[in-house]
Protein backbone atom coordinates (compact mmCIF):
# COMPACT_ATOMS: atom_id res chain seq x y z
CA MET A 1 -17.23 -53.70 22.91
CA ARG A 2 -15.43 -50.51 21.94
CA TYR A 3 -15.59 -47.33 23.88
CA ASP A 4 -14.20 -43.76 23.63
CA THR A 5 -12.22 -44.02 26.85
CA LEU A 6 -11.42 -47.00 29.07
CA ILE A 7 -9.89 -46.62 32.51
CA ARG A 8 -8.48 -49.94 33.68
CA GLY A 9 -7.92 -51.32 37.17
CA ALA A 10 -8.77 -48.20 39.28
CA TRP A 11 -9.78 -48.22 42.89
CA ILE A 12 -13.22 -46.58 42.51
CA VAL A 13 -14.47 -44.29 45.28
CA ASP A 14 -17.94 -43.83 43.97
CA GLY A 15 -19.14 -40.77 45.90
CA THR A 16 -21.73 -42.49 48.00
CA GLY A 17 -19.53 -43.14 50.98
CA ALA A 18 -19.18 -46.84 50.16
CA GLU A 19 -15.74 -48.50 50.44
CA PRO A 20 -13.50 -48.31 47.37
CA PHE A 21 -13.63 -51.23 44.95
CA ARG A 22 -11.41 -52.21 42.05
CA ALA A 23 -12.94 -52.06 38.63
CA ASP A 24 -12.67 -50.81 35.07
CA LEU A 25 -14.70 -47.95 33.83
CA ALA A 26 -15.79 -47.08 30.32
CA VAL A 27 -16.93 -43.80 28.81
CA ARG A 28 -18.82 -43.15 25.57
CA GLY A 29 -19.65 -39.57 24.67
CA GLU A 30 -20.41 -37.64 27.83
CA ARG A 31 -21.58 -40.62 29.95
CA ILE A 32 -20.19 -43.48 31.98
CA VAL A 33 -21.53 -46.56 30.21
CA ALA A 34 -19.91 -49.46 32.03
CA VAL A 35 -18.33 -50.12 35.38
CA GLY A 36 -16.90 -53.59 36.19
CA ALA A 37 -14.63 -56.23 34.69
CA LEU A 38 -14.09 -55.09 31.20
CA SER A 39 -11.13 -57.17 30.10
CA GLU A 40 -12.39 -57.79 26.59
CA ALA A 41 -13.20 -54.16 25.93
CA THR A 42 -11.23 -51.88 23.70
CA ALA A 43 -11.27 -48.08 23.40
CA ASP A 44 -9.78 -45.08 21.47
CA THR A 45 -8.06 -44.01 24.71
CA VAL A 46 -6.96 -46.55 27.32
CA ILE A 47 -5.65 -45.47 30.71
CA ASP A 48 -3.91 -47.79 33.07
CA ALA A 49 -5.03 -46.78 36.56
CA HIS A 50 -3.61 -49.61 38.56
CA GLY A 51 -2.82 -48.41 42.09
CA ARG A 52 -4.71 -45.11 41.55
CA TYR A 53 -8.11 -43.92 42.89
CA LEU A 54 -10.87 -42.86 40.60
CA ALA A 55 -13.55 -40.58 42.03
CA PRO A 56 -16.39 -38.49 40.66
CA GLY A 57 -15.08 -35.07 39.68
CA PHE A 58 -15.00 -32.79 42.72
CA ILE A 59 -17.79 -30.23 43.06
CA ASP A 60 -16.57 -26.95 44.52
CA VAL A 61 -19.80 -25.76 46.19
CA HIS A 62 -18.38 -22.36 47.21
CA THR A 63 -16.60 -20.32 44.60
CA HIS A 64 -16.37 -16.78 43.30
CA ASP A 65 -15.49 -17.78 39.78
CA ASP A 66 -18.49 -16.04 38.28
CA THR A 67 -16.63 -13.95 35.73
CA ASN A 68 -13.45 -16.07 35.58
CA VAL A 69 -15.16 -19.00 33.90
CA ILE A 70 -15.78 -16.57 31.01
CA ARG A 71 -12.60 -14.40 31.11
CA THR A 72 -10.18 -17.31 31.95
CA PRO A 73 -12.04 -20.42 30.81
CA GLY A 74 -9.04 -22.74 31.26
CA MET A 75 -9.82 -22.61 34.99
CA LEU A 76 -6.53 -24.17 35.87
CA PRO A 77 -6.70 -23.38 39.68
CA LYS A 78 -9.72 -25.69 39.87
CA LEU A 79 -9.01 -28.25 37.12
CA SER A 80 -5.55 -28.96 38.53
CA GLN A 81 -7.00 -30.03 41.91
CA GLY A 82 -9.62 -32.34 40.41
CA VAL A 83 -12.62 -29.90 40.40
CA THR A 84 -15.03 -30.55 37.56
CA THR A 85 -17.94 -28.32 38.61
CA VAL A 86 -17.98 -24.91 40.34
CA VAL A 87 -20.96 -23.36 42.05
CA VAL A 88 -20.72 -19.58 41.51
CA GLY A 89 -22.82 -16.78 42.89
CA ASN A 90 -21.97 -17.25 46.64
CA CYS A 91 -22.00 -14.84 49.56
CA GLY A 92 -24.75 -12.73 48.03
CA ILE A 93 -22.59 -11.69 44.96
CA SER A 94 -23.15 -12.94 41.44
CA ALA A 95 -22.33 -11.66 37.96
CA ALA A 96 -26.00 -11.86 36.93
CA PRO A 97 -28.55 -10.41 36.64
CA VAL A 98 -26.33 -7.33 36.88
CA THR A 99 -25.06 -4.43 34.76
CA LEU A 100 -22.88 -1.82 36.45
CA SER A 101 -21.13 1.43 35.66
CA GLY A 102 -18.87 3.28 38.02
CA ASP A 103 -17.61 1.85 41.27
CA VAL A 104 -18.43 -1.75 41.98
CA PRO A 105 -20.16 -2.21 45.40
CA ASP A 106 -18.32 -4.11 48.05
CA PRO A 107 -17.95 -7.14 48.07
CA MET A 108 -19.04 -7.47 44.46
CA ASN A 109 -15.61 -6.11 43.57
CA LEU A 110 -14.33 -9.57 44.43
CA LEU A 111 -15.76 -10.76 41.13
CA GLY A 112 -14.13 -8.05 38.91
CA ARG A 113 -14.44 -4.53 37.62
CA ALA A 114 -17.58 -2.75 36.39
CA GLU A 115 -16.87 -3.87 32.80
CA ASP A 116 -17.15 -7.55 34.02
CA PHE A 117 -20.76 -7.01 35.05
CA ARG A 118 -22.58 -7.07 31.77
CA TYR A 119 -25.20 -9.69 32.12
CA PRO A 120 -28.65 -8.22 32.65
CA SER A 121 -30.38 -11.51 32.78
CA PHE A 122 -29.44 -15.00 33.80
CA GLU A 123 -29.94 -16.14 30.22
CA ALA A 124 -27.30 -13.60 29.09
CA TYR A 125 -24.88 -14.99 31.57
CA ALA A 126 -25.65 -18.62 30.61
CA ASP A 127 -25.10 -17.79 26.93
CA ALA A 128 -21.77 -16.18 27.78
CA VAL A 129 -20.60 -19.22 29.79
CA ASP A 130 -21.55 -21.64 26.99
CA ALA A 131 -19.84 -19.37 24.46
CA ALA A 132 -16.62 -19.38 26.55
CA ALA A 133 -16.67 -23.18 26.77
CA PRO A 134 -14.90 -23.34 30.14
CA ALA A 135 -12.88 -26.36 31.26
CA VAL A 136 -15.22 -27.03 34.13
CA ASN A 137 -18.98 -27.10 34.58
CA VAL A 138 -20.67 -24.04 36.06
CA ALA A 139 -23.77 -23.97 38.26
CA ALA A 140 -24.97 -20.58 39.44
CA LEU A 141 -26.79 -19.05 42.44
CA ILE A 142 -28.19 -15.53 42.32
CA GLY A 143 -26.67 -13.08 44.81
CA HIS A 144 -28.95 -11.07 47.11
CA THR A 145 -26.48 -8.11 47.12
CA SER A 146 -26.37 -8.27 43.37
CA LEU A 147 -30.16 -8.10 43.26
CA ARG A 148 -29.97 -5.10 45.55
CA SER A 149 -27.45 -3.39 43.32
CA GLN A 150 -30.05 -3.35 40.52
CA ALA A 151 -33.12 -2.35 42.57
CA MET A 152 -31.70 0.11 45.05
CA GLY A 153 -29.72 3.38 44.87
CA ASP A 154 -28.26 2.98 48.39
CA PHE A 155 -27.68 -0.04 50.60
CA ASP A 156 -27.63 1.21 54.11
CA ARG A 157 -31.31 0.61 54.75
CA PRO A 158 -33.96 -2.03 54.16
CA ALA A 159 -35.48 -2.39 50.74
CA ASP A 160 -38.92 -0.82 50.37
CA GLU A 161 -41.88 -2.71 48.97
CA ALA A 162 -41.34 -1.68 45.40
CA GLU A 163 -37.68 -2.63 45.55
CA ILE A 164 -38.47 -6.07 47.04
CA LEU A 165 -41.01 -6.64 44.29
CA ALA A 166 -38.37 -5.77 41.68
CA MET A 167 -35.87 -8.14 43.26
CA ARG A 168 -38.39 -10.88 43.45
CA ASP A 169 -39.24 -10.53 39.83
CA ALA A 170 -35.64 -10.67 38.72
CA LEU A 171 -35.03 -13.66 41.01
CA ARG A 172 -38.06 -15.49 39.81
CA LYS A 173 -36.98 -15.15 36.13
CA ALA A 174 -33.50 -16.33 36.93
CA LEU A 175 -34.75 -19.40 38.82
CA ALA A 176 -37.07 -20.18 35.93
CA ALA A 177 -34.12 -20.04 33.57
CA GLY A 178 -32.20 -22.61 35.68
CA ALA A 179 -30.40 -20.83 38.48
CA LEU A 180 -29.81 -23.09 41.45
CA GLY A 181 -31.21 -20.69 44.05
CA MET A 182 -30.15 -17.61 45.88
CA SER A 183 -27.26 -16.71 48.20
CA SER A 184 -26.90 -13.99 50.79
CA GLY A 185 -23.88 -12.28 52.43
CA LEU A 186 -25.59 -10.60 55.34
CA ALA A 187 -22.34 -9.87 57.21
CA TYR A 188 -21.22 -7.41 54.47
CA ARG A 189 -22.16 -3.73 54.83
CA ASN A 190 -24.21 -3.65 51.55
CA ALA A 191 -26.53 -6.47 52.74
CA PHE A 192 -26.35 -6.04 56.57
CA HIS A 193 -29.30 -3.66 56.68
CA ALA A 194 -31.56 -6.15 54.95
CA PRO A 195 -33.88 -7.28 57.75
CA GLN A 196 -35.31 -10.80 57.92
CA ALA A 197 -38.56 -9.69 56.39
CA GLU A 198 -36.68 -8.71 53.16
CA MET A 199 -34.87 -12.08 53.12
CA ARG A 200 -38.04 -14.06 53.79
CA ALA A 201 -39.76 -12.47 50.79
CA LEU A 202 -36.93 -13.44 48.48
CA VAL A 203 -36.31 -16.93 49.94
CA ALA A 204 -40.08 -17.56 49.38
CA GLU A 205 -39.35 -17.29 45.68
CA VAL A 206 -36.50 -19.75 46.03
CA GLY A 207 -38.74 -22.24 47.81
CA ALA A 208 -41.49 -21.94 45.31
CA ALA A 209 -39.10 -22.76 42.47
CA GLY A 210 -37.58 -25.67 44.34
CA GLY A 211 -34.13 -24.07 44.62
CA VAL A 212 -31.63 -23.79 47.47
CA TYR A 213 -30.81 -20.91 49.75
CA THR A 214 -27.20 -20.43 50.85
CA THR A 215 -25.99 -17.80 53.31
CA HIS A 216 -22.87 -16.13 54.54
CA LEU A 217 -24.35 -15.60 58.00
CA ARG A 218 -25.05 -12.15 59.39
CA ASP A 219 -22.52 -12.82 62.17
CA GLU A 220 -19.71 -15.44 62.26
CA PHE A 221 -18.28 -14.11 65.52
CA ALA A 222 -20.02 -13.65 68.96
CA GLY A 223 -23.43 -13.58 67.39
CA LEU A 224 -23.03 -16.87 65.47
CA ILE A 225 -25.75 -18.77 67.14
CA ASP A 226 -28.37 -16.03 66.73
CA ALA A 227 -27.32 -15.68 63.10
CA MET A 228 -27.76 -19.39 62.54
CA ASP A 229 -31.25 -19.24 64.10
CA GLU A 230 -32.18 -16.48 61.68
CA ALA A 231 -30.93 -18.56 58.77
CA PHE A 232 -32.87 -21.67 59.87
CA ASP A 233 -36.06 -19.62 60.35
CA THR A 234 -35.70 -17.86 56.96
CA ALA A 235 -35.24 -21.06 55.06
CA ARG A 236 -37.98 -22.80 56.95
CA GLN A 237 -40.51 -19.99 56.35
CA GLY A 238 -39.48 -19.96 52.63
CA GLN A 239 -39.73 -23.78 52.27
CA ALA A 240 -36.20 -23.93 50.92
CA PRO A 241 -33.20 -26.20 51.72
CA LEU A 242 -30.42 -24.28 53.52
CA VAL A 243 -26.66 -24.34 53.19
CA ILE A 244 -24.65 -22.29 55.65
CA SER A 245 -21.61 -20.95 53.80
CA HIS A 246 -18.09 -21.64 55.32
CA LEU A 247 -19.44 -22.33 58.71
CA LYS A 248 -16.82 -21.17 61.27
CA CYS A 249 -16.37 -19.79 64.77
CA ALA A 250 -14.46 -16.72 63.86
CA GLY A 251 -12.53 -14.50 66.33
CA ALA A 252 -10.35 -15.51 69.20
CA GLY A 253 -13.23 -14.97 71.64
CA ASN A 254 -15.38 -17.43 69.68
CA TRP A 255 -12.87 -20.23 69.55
CA GLY A 256 -14.12 -23.50 70.95
CA GLY A 257 -17.70 -22.90 69.82
CA ALA A 258 -17.86 -25.54 67.11
CA PRO A 259 -19.54 -28.24 69.16
CA ARG A 260 -22.38 -25.81 70.05
CA ALA A 261 -22.74 -24.56 66.48
CA LEU A 262 -22.75 -28.10 64.99
CA GLY A 263 -25.36 -29.04 67.57
CA LYS A 264 -27.61 -26.27 66.36
CA LEU A 265 -27.12 -27.46 62.78
CA GLU A 266 -27.92 -31.11 63.74
CA ASP A 267 -31.09 -29.97 65.58
CA ALA A 268 -32.22 -27.98 62.60
CA ALA A 269 -31.46 -30.86 60.18
CA ARG A 270 -33.90 -33.16 62.00
CA HIS A 271 -36.76 -30.84 60.98
CA GLN A 272 -35.65 -29.13 57.77
CA ARG A 273 -33.02 -29.71 55.07
CA ALA A 274 -29.83 -27.98 56.42
CA HIS A 275 -26.24 -28.35 55.60
CA CYS A 276 -23.01 -26.24 55.57
CA ASP A 277 -19.80 -26.00 53.63
CA CYS A 278 -16.27 -25.72 54.93
CA TYR A 279 -12.72 -25.09 53.62
CA PRO A 280 -9.71 -26.80 55.21
CA TYR A 281 -7.83 -23.76 56.53
CA THR A 282 -7.87 -21.66 59.70
CA ALA A 283 -7.68 -18.35 57.86
CA GLY A 284 -10.35 -16.61 55.80
CA SER A 285 -10.08 -14.17 52.99
CA SER A 286 -12.21 -11.32 51.67
CA THR A 287 -12.27 -7.61 51.24
CA LEU A 288 -10.68 -5.62 54.09
CA ASP A 289 -13.54 -5.22 56.58
CA LEU A 290 -13.14 -2.63 59.37
CA GLY A 291 -15.37 -4.84 61.61
CA GLN A 292 -12.86 -7.58 61.47
CA VAL A 293 -9.80 -5.41 62.29
CA THR A 294 -8.34 -6.39 65.64
CA ASP A 295 -4.92 -7.02 67.26
CA GLU A 296 -6.10 -10.48 68.45
CA ILE A 297 -5.30 -12.09 65.09
CA ALA A 298 -2.82 -11.74 62.22
CA ILE A 299 -4.23 -9.83 59.21
CA PHE A 300 -2.37 -9.94 55.86
CA ILE A 301 -3.10 -7.38 53.17
CA THR A 302 -3.30 -9.00 49.67
CA TRP A 303 -4.23 -5.92 47.60
CA SER A 304 -5.11 -2.24 48.01
CA ASP A 305 -6.34 0.10 45.34
CA PRO A 306 -5.01 3.34 46.90
CA HIS A 307 -1.84 1.78 48.22
CA PRO A 308 -0.79 -1.10 46.03
CA GLU A 309 2.79 -0.94 47.34
CA GLN A 310 1.50 -2.21 50.67
CA ALA A 311 0.20 -5.44 49.27
CA GLN A 312 1.61 -8.66 50.70
CA ARG A 313 2.36 -7.19 54.07
CA ALA A 314 0.86 -7.49 57.55
CA LEU A 315 -1.62 -4.82 58.59
CA ALA A 316 0.23 -4.43 61.84
CA GLU A 317 3.45 -3.66 59.98
CA ILE A 318 1.77 -1.12 57.71
CA ALA A 319 0.25 0.60 60.72
CA ALA A 320 3.55 0.72 62.57
CA ASP A 321 5.31 2.24 59.53
CA TRP A 322 2.56 4.84 59.17
CA GLY A 323 2.46 5.58 62.85
CA VAL A 324 -1.26 5.04 63.05
CA SER A 325 -3.77 2.56 64.67
CA LEU A 326 -4.73 -0.69 62.92
CA ILE A 327 -8.16 0.75 62.17
CA ASP A 328 -6.83 3.94 60.68
CA ALA A 329 -4.39 2.04 58.52
CA ALA A 330 -7.25 -0.18 57.35
CA ARG A 331 -9.27 2.86 56.36
CA ARG A 332 -6.39 4.24 54.37
CA LEU A 333 -5.95 0.99 52.56
CA GLN A 334 -9.58 0.53 51.48
CA PRO A 335 -10.70 -0.76 49.08
CA ALA A 336 -8.41 -3.68 49.75
CA GLY A 337 -8.25 -7.36 50.35
CA ALA A 338 -7.03 -9.31 53.35
CA VAL A 339 -6.45 -12.78 54.78
CA TYR A 340 -7.64 -13.14 58.38
CA HIS A 341 -6.10 -15.80 60.61
CA ASN A 342 -9.30 -15.91 62.75
CA MET A 343 -10.16 -19.61 63.35
CA SER A 344 -8.88 -22.42 65.57
CA GLU A 345 -7.66 -25.64 64.08
CA ASP A 346 -9.83 -27.68 66.39
CA ASP A 347 -13.10 -25.94 65.45
CA MET A 348 -12.22 -26.16 61.74
CA ARG A 349 -11.50 -29.87 61.97
CA ARG A 350 -14.79 -30.49 63.77
CA VAL A 351 -16.79 -28.71 61.01
CA LEU A 352 -14.80 -30.37 58.26
CA ALA A 353 -15.39 -33.88 59.47
CA HIS A 354 -19.15 -33.37 60.24
CA PRO A 355 -21.50 -35.51 58.08
CA LEU A 356 -23.60 -32.45 57.17
CA ALA A 357 -20.52 -30.47 55.82
CA MET A 358 -19.56 -30.25 52.14
CA ILE A 359 -16.28 -29.02 50.81
CA GLY A 360 -15.93 -25.61 49.20
CA SER A 361 -12.79 -23.67 48.42
CA ASP A 362 -14.08 -20.11 48.72
CA GLY A 363 -11.14 -19.16 46.59
CA LEU A 364 -10.78 -15.63 45.25
CA PRO A 365 -9.31 -15.92 41.67
CA ASN A 366 -9.01 -12.20 41.13
CA ASP A 367 -6.86 -11.63 44.14
CA PRO A 368 -3.24 -11.05 42.92
CA HIS A 369 -1.98 -12.95 46.11
CA PRO A 370 -4.83 -15.34 46.72
CA HIS A 371 -5.46 -17.48 49.76
CA PRO A 372 -3.96 -20.91 49.07
CA ARG A 373 -7.40 -22.50 49.16
CA LEU A 374 -7.91 -21.32 45.56
CA TRP A 375 -5.36 -23.95 44.35
CA GLY A 376 -5.22 -26.47 47.15
CA ALA A 377 -8.49 -26.99 49.02
CA PHE A 378 -9.52 -30.38 47.71
CA PRO A 379 -6.13 -32.14 47.68
CA ARG A 380 -5.58 -30.76 51.16
CA VAL A 381 -8.70 -32.46 52.47
CA LEU A 382 -7.68 -35.79 50.90
CA ALA A 383 -3.98 -35.83 51.57
CA HIS A 384 -3.59 -33.92 54.82
CA TYR A 385 -6.75 -34.48 56.76
CA SER A 386 -7.90 -37.83 55.41
CA ARG A 387 -4.75 -39.71 54.60
CA ASP A 388 -2.25 -38.13 57.08
CA LEU A 389 -4.36 -37.20 60.06
CA GLU A 390 -7.11 -39.71 59.55
CA LEU A 391 -9.74 -37.20 60.40
CA MET A 392 -12.20 -39.06 58.15
CA PRO A 393 -12.01 -42.11 55.85
CA LEU A 394 -11.27 -41.47 52.15
CA ALA A 395 -14.72 -42.54 51.07
CA GLU A 396 -16.33 -40.04 53.40
CA ALA A 397 -14.00 -37.23 52.27
CA ILE A 398 -14.90 -38.04 48.66
CA ARG A 399 -18.63 -38.13 49.51
CA LYS A 400 -18.30 -34.60 50.99
CA MET A 401 -16.97 -33.22 47.70
CA THR A 402 -19.07 -35.18 45.29
CA GLY A 403 -22.31 -37.13 46.06
CA LEU A 404 -23.41 -34.99 48.97
CA SER A 405 -22.74 -31.75 47.07
CA ALA A 406 -24.62 -32.92 43.95
CA ALA A 407 -27.67 -33.90 46.04
CA GLN A 408 -27.86 -30.68 47.94
CA PHE A 409 -27.60 -28.48 44.87
CA GLY A 410 -29.77 -30.49 42.57
CA LEU A 411 -26.99 -31.52 40.03
CA THR A 412 -28.66 -34.46 38.37
CA ASP A 413 -26.50 -37.49 37.27
CA ARG A 414 -23.37 -36.01 38.77
CA GLY A 415 -21.36 -36.62 41.91
CA VAL A 416 -21.58 -40.39 41.83
CA ILE A 417 -19.81 -42.97 39.64
CA ARG A 418 -22.41 -45.18 38.15
CA GLU A 419 -23.57 -46.29 34.72
CA GLY A 420 -25.56 -43.49 32.99
CA GLY A 421 -23.95 -40.68 35.01
CA TYR A 422 -22.03 -37.92 33.33
CA ALA A 423 -18.29 -38.72 32.92
CA ASP A 424 -16.96 -36.10 35.37
CA LEU A 425 -14.10 -37.96 36.79
CA THR A 426 -10.80 -37.41 38.80
CA LEU A 427 -7.92 -39.88 38.86
CA PHE A 428 -5.33 -39.39 41.59
CA ASP A 429 -2.39 -41.04 43.26
CA LEU A 430 -3.12 -40.99 46.97
CA ASP A 431 0.46 -41.75 47.88
CA THR A 432 1.84 -38.59 46.18
CA LEU A 433 -1.17 -36.37 46.54
CA GLU A 434 -0.21 -33.05 48.13
CA ASP A 435 -1.53 -29.51 48.20
CA VAL A 436 1.53 -27.39 47.27
CA ALA A 437 0.09 -23.88 47.57
CA ASP A 438 0.73 -22.13 50.91
CA TYR A 439 0.31 -18.60 52.22
CA ALA A 440 3.73 -17.50 51.01
CA ARG A 441 3.44 -19.06 47.52
CA PRO A 442 -0.33 -19.49 46.94
CA ILE A 443 -0.29 -20.03 43.22
CA ALA A 444 0.87 -23.63 42.83
CA ALA A 445 -0.81 -26.70 41.32
CA ALA A 446 -1.28 -29.69 43.55
CA ARG A 447 0.79 -32.86 43.08
CA GLY A 448 -0.85 -36.28 42.46
CA ILE A 449 -3.88 -35.30 40.32
CA GLU A 450 -3.24 -37.45 37.31
CA LEU A 451 -6.30 -37.04 35.13
CA VAL A 452 -9.45 -34.90 35.10
CA MET A 453 -12.37 -35.56 32.77
CA VAL A 454 -15.36 -33.24 32.34
CA ASN A 455 -18.35 -34.61 30.36
CA GLY A 456 -16.18 -37.25 28.79
CA THR A 457 -13.44 -34.77 27.79
CA ILE A 458 -10.00 -35.16 29.35
CA GLY A 459 -9.07 -31.65 30.35
CA TYR A 460 -6.12 -32.37 32.54
CA ARG A 461 -3.51 -35.09 32.34
CA ALA A 462 0.00 -35.73 33.78
CA GLY A 463 0.14 -32.34 35.52
CA ALA A 464 -0.94 -30.09 32.66
CA ALA A 465 -4.07 -28.95 30.92
CA THR A 466 -4.72 -30.68 27.63
CA GLY A 467 -6.38 -27.69 25.98
CA GLU A 468 -9.63 -29.59 25.61
CA ARG A 469 -12.49 -27.97 27.45
CA GLY A 470 -15.61 -29.96 28.17
CA GLY A 471 -17.51 -27.74 30.62
CA ARG A 472 -20.88 -26.02 30.31
CA LEU A 473 -23.50 -24.22 32.34
CA LEU A 474 -25.56 -26.58 34.36
CA ARG A 475 -29.18 -25.52 34.85
CA ARG A 476 -31.12 -26.80 37.78
CA SER A 477 -33.46 -29.49 36.47
CA GLU A 478 -35.01 -30.91 39.67
CA ARG A 479 -36.95 -29.45 42.50
CA LEU A 480 -35.24 -29.75 45.88
CA SER A 481 -37.43 -30.69 48.89
CA PRO A 482 -37.00 -28.53 51.97
CA GLN A 483 -37.60 -31.46 54.20
CA PRO A 484 -34.89 -33.93 55.43
CA THR A 485 -35.37 -37.35 53.89
CA SER A 486 -33.44 -39.18 56.72
CA SER A 487 -31.62 -38.45 59.97
CA PHE A 488 -28.69 -36.12 59.71
CA THR A 489 -26.24 -39.00 60.01
CA THR A 490 -27.41 -40.76 56.86
CA GLU A 491 -27.12 -38.41 53.88
CA GLU A 492 -28.98 -38.59 50.74
CA THR A 493 -27.01 -38.99 47.48
CA PRO A 494 -28.23 -38.85 43.89
């Protein structure tokens, strides 16, 4: 039997949580067509994978790559760490359905300038992604703040009935065209004034379409538990599965809160479909938010429009140079970006290892000095936390970034290695695997990722992009049930 690609002798970690097994794997076209002992088979391309691990391509469930998959379709920050699918439109901000002129509302400015928002419908965005032919697959959420930007002239109030109807109509059309669901970023000032009634009306559209609701909670600090309760209630009322974005206990006064927060998640998951995502770092990164400015943590400025010369400096140093308070310095710098060292290692590890947690980078590709998670999140989980610290077995770490993710976002025939599935694959050397990016030098490809295949196309090999791009926009093709199918300790996979 002859195939397009034959990978021989790999240790296969199939994405279900099962123990690795040694086998050959054959690809024809876009699909995996055989897994097993294929000693008699031949292929156009044969890869010797002895001693290496072969996993489903990693699914980054939390990205802000919305415009980058079109403007920079090589997607090297993701491809080089084994990611084959990015979920865009998180934290309430999406490139579609949006057109803008003038200033870009915060935090939509994380996605680009006004000229980058030129997709009045989800179909227009989907067409642009397919025309760009990115190196990775793209699956898209619709952002609540982005919907607000099209229906409302000002954001510091609840939407009125007519505005909610306009947002519901735009959301309904996007969901019908294949969007995964809706995200919210209720902690940000341009969404914070949206009451639960506004969110319930929109999430009801998500539930009716069989989509998923993801949320950057209204409060990740002292009000975390109340914010989680709001999210659970909104999703339950709307009959939609819930994913809490980058679950964390932020702020020094909130450290040690992970057991309570995870207990709330477990309780909810017994009655409704509820999960979270997590990145493997104790610092977050976003726009510079006055509400997060404090002397209790280190805050690092990554960019500033009015004061670009102050980029890559600590906020405390800038304030001292200017002879002003931290808050006054932050006001002068805005709009700006920042890295906040606001989490404890113990809390982060507890969330990362929890069976309900998926892996998402939350990387910011348009930041000139990005958080290292943009280039290193997935290798860091596998090398540092699984291999070195033994926080979780390798099979479980892979499940969190493949099979679990595909199941929760409705990505059919992806996330698990099996005959008939799409050939999204990552081959890596676990002995040499290492995330190289750090806070001082954040733009650096990981070591140990040997081959990445997207829809049967080898896009990355031997530490470099091949120039072949096999990605496309993935439309949601199945309805997600809002109800758990099992206890929270036994997760469903495709």
